[in-house]
Amino acid sequence: MGAGSVDVWMANEEDRAMNRRTLLASMAGTAAVGGCIARETDDDRAGRPTLAIASEGAGRWRIRSWQWQGGAWRPLIARARRVGAKLELSGRIAAADRAKVLARLRA
């Protein structure tokens, strides 16, 4: 080949067949994986932040619960304090966390 000439690679039949097989196998694998992905439900979302209960002194707690709203997890902040034998709660706690919060604070 002389100066200024361009090498042109021509795929032969075997190369084209291999590329078709690779493409079809790749597409089939992608479709299979796509069908196996777990879908989120209202009650069980992947990556749900954990419930947090922090002491703010004797008989007082700060509670951070989480609620799924508008396509994202949003924190719900509440405070609890012990008054005699009772617990007073102010603020919101997600319904899914309410029983856990009461069990931990009563323990």
Protein backbone atom coordinates (compact mmCIF):
# COMPACT_ATOMS: atom_id res chain seq x y z
CA MET A 1 0.00 0.00 0.00
CA GLY A 2 1.36 3.34 -0.98
CA ALA A 3 1.26 6.71 0.67
CA GLY A 4 -2.21 8.11 0.98
CA SER A 5 -3.94 4.74 0.61
CA VAL A 6 -6.47 3.61 3.20
CA ASP A 7 -6.71 0.10 4.57
CA VAL A 8 -10.33 -1.04 4.53
CA TRP A 9 -11.30 -3.94 6.75
CA MET A 10 -14.04 -6.05 5.30
CA ALA A 11 -15.89 -8.36 7.63
CA ASN A 12 -16.21 -11.86 6.34
CA GLU A 13 -19.31 -14.04 6.78
CA GLU A 14 -17.93 -15.67 9.93
CA ASP A 15 -17.38 -12.29 11.64
CA ARG A 16 -20.87 -11.09 10.74
CA ALA A 17 -22.44 -14.32 12.04
CA MET A 18 -20.53 -13.96 15.31
CA ASN A 19 -21.66 -10.36 15.71
CA ARG A 20 -25.31 -11.35 15.13
CA ARG A 21 -25.05 -14.16 17.68
CA THR A 22 -23.44 -11.85 20.22
CA LEU A 23 -26.08 -9.20 19.69
CA LEU A 24 -28.98 -11.65 19.97
CA ALA A 25 -27.52 -13.32 23.08
CA SER A 26 -26.98 -9.92 24.66
CA MET A 27 -30.56 -8.86 23.92
CA ALA A 28 -31.96 -12.12 25.30
CA GLY A 29 -29.88 -11.76 28.47
CA THR A 30 -31.03 -8.20 28.99
CA ALA A 31 -34.68 -9.19 28.58
CA ALA A 32 -34.28 -12.07 31.04
CA VAL A 33 -32.64 -9.88 33.68
CA GLY A 34 -35.26 -7.17 33.19
CA GLY A 35 -38.00 -9.66 33.95
CA CYS A 36 -36.32 -10.75 37.20
CA ILE A 37 -35.90 -7.34 38.79
CA ALA A 38 -37.91 -6.95 41.98
CA ARG A 39 -40.53 -4.25 41.82
CA GLU A 40 -41.15 -1.94 44.75
CA THR A 41 -44.40 -2.18 46.60
CA ASP A 42 -45.97 0.43 48.86
CA ASP A 43 -45.00 -1.48 52.02
CA ASP A 44 -41.53 -2.75 51.10
CA ARG A 45 -39.27 -0.19 49.43
CA ALA A 46 -35.61 -0.90 48.85
CA GLY A 47 -33.29 1.39 50.76
CA ARG A 48 -35.71 2.41 53.48
CA PRO A 49 -33.83 4.49 56.07
CA THR A 50 -33.74 3.07 59.58
CA LEU A 51 -35.85 4.16 62.48
CA ALA A 52 -33.82 6.21 64.99
CA ILE A 53 -34.63 6.83 68.64
CA ALA A 54 -32.14 9.07 70.46
CA SER A 55 -32.23 9.97 74.14
CA GLU A 56 -32.43 13.68 74.92
CA GLY A 57 -32.11 13.26 78.66
CA ALA A 58 -33.87 11.36 81.41
CA GLY A 59 -37.28 10.24 80.14
CA ARG A 60 -37.07 12.20 76.84
CA TRP A 61 -36.44 10.95 73.29
CA ARG A 62 -36.21 12.23 69.74
CA ILE A 63 -37.71 9.85 67.15
CA ARG A 64 -36.90 9.92 63.43
CA SER A 65 -39.23 7.77 61.36
CA TRP A 66 -39.57 7.69 57.57
CA GLN A 67 -42.52 7.91 55.19
CA TRP A 68 -42.56 7.26 51.42
CA GLN A 69 -44.06 10.34 49.79
CA GLY A 70 -43.70 11.88 46.34
CA GLY A 71 -41.24 9.23 45.15
CA ALA A 72 -38.77 9.70 48.02
CA TRP A 73 -38.30 8.89 51.70
CA ARG A 74 -39.21 11.86 53.92
CA PRO A 75 -38.28 12.06 57.60
CA LEU A 76 -40.94 12.36 60.26
CA ILE A 77 -39.65 13.82 63.52
CA ALA A 78 -41.40 13.25 66.82
CA ARG A 79 -40.54 13.71 70.47
CA ALA A 80 -41.53 11.50 73.39
CA ARG A 81 -41.37 12.02 77.12
CA ARG A 82 -42.32 9.92 80.08
CA VAL A 83 -44.91 11.50 82.38
CA GLY A 84 -45.48 9.21 85.33
CA ALA A 85 -46.35 5.79 83.92
CA LYS A 86 -47.45 7.21 80.55
CA LEU A 87 -45.65 8.28 77.38
CA GLU A 88 -46.52 11.58 75.71
CA LEU A 89 -45.79 11.78 72.00
CA SER A 90 -45.67 14.96 69.95
CA GLY A 91 -45.08 14.96 66.21
CA ARG A 92 -45.64 12.24 63.62
CA ILE A 93 -44.43 8.64 63.47
CA ALA A 94 -44.93 6.45 60.39
CA ALA A 95 -47.65 3.85 60.96
CA ALA A 96 -45.17 1.08 60.07
CA ASP A 97 -42.86 2.21 62.92
CA ARG A 98 -45.38 3.04 65.63
CA ALA A 99 -45.40 -0.40 67.31
CA LYS A 100 -41.56 -0.56 67.31
CA VAL A 101 -41.30 2.90 68.88
CA LEU A 102 -43.77 2.09 71.64
CA ALA A 103 -42.11 -1.28 72.37
CA ARG A 104 -38.64 0.30 72.65
CA LEU A 105 -39.76 3.17 74.85
CA ARG A 106 -41.78 0.96 77.19
CA ALA A 107 -38.89 -1.47 77.67
